[in-house]
Amino acid sequence: MAKKARKKSAAKRGKKSKLVKKTRARAKKKSKPAPKKKAAARKAKRKSKQQSIGDRVANAYHTVVDTVKDTDRLRNKIEPPGTSETS
């Protein structure tokens, strides 16, 4: 079953009120041209020399070793060795 449409208010229907508004002629202000913005100075990117394959492998190896050491430190901090409940 469809809903019944409500009556629109006088403002929405566009009825004119009985009061007459006085209008004033307003002089339009002349707009000034917007000042031009200066372009932001860009920093030059540093160019690093290309890594050789050996350097990449060495960096990857060191990253893995550091990660394992950090994980071991955290594990020992949470539960010091020799205090396990299972042994």
Foldseek 3Di string as FASTA:
>chain_A
DDDDDDDDDPVVVPDDDPDDDDDDDDDDDDDDDDDDDDDDDDDDDDDDDDDDPVVVVVVVVVVVVVVVVVVVVVVCVVPNPPPDPVD
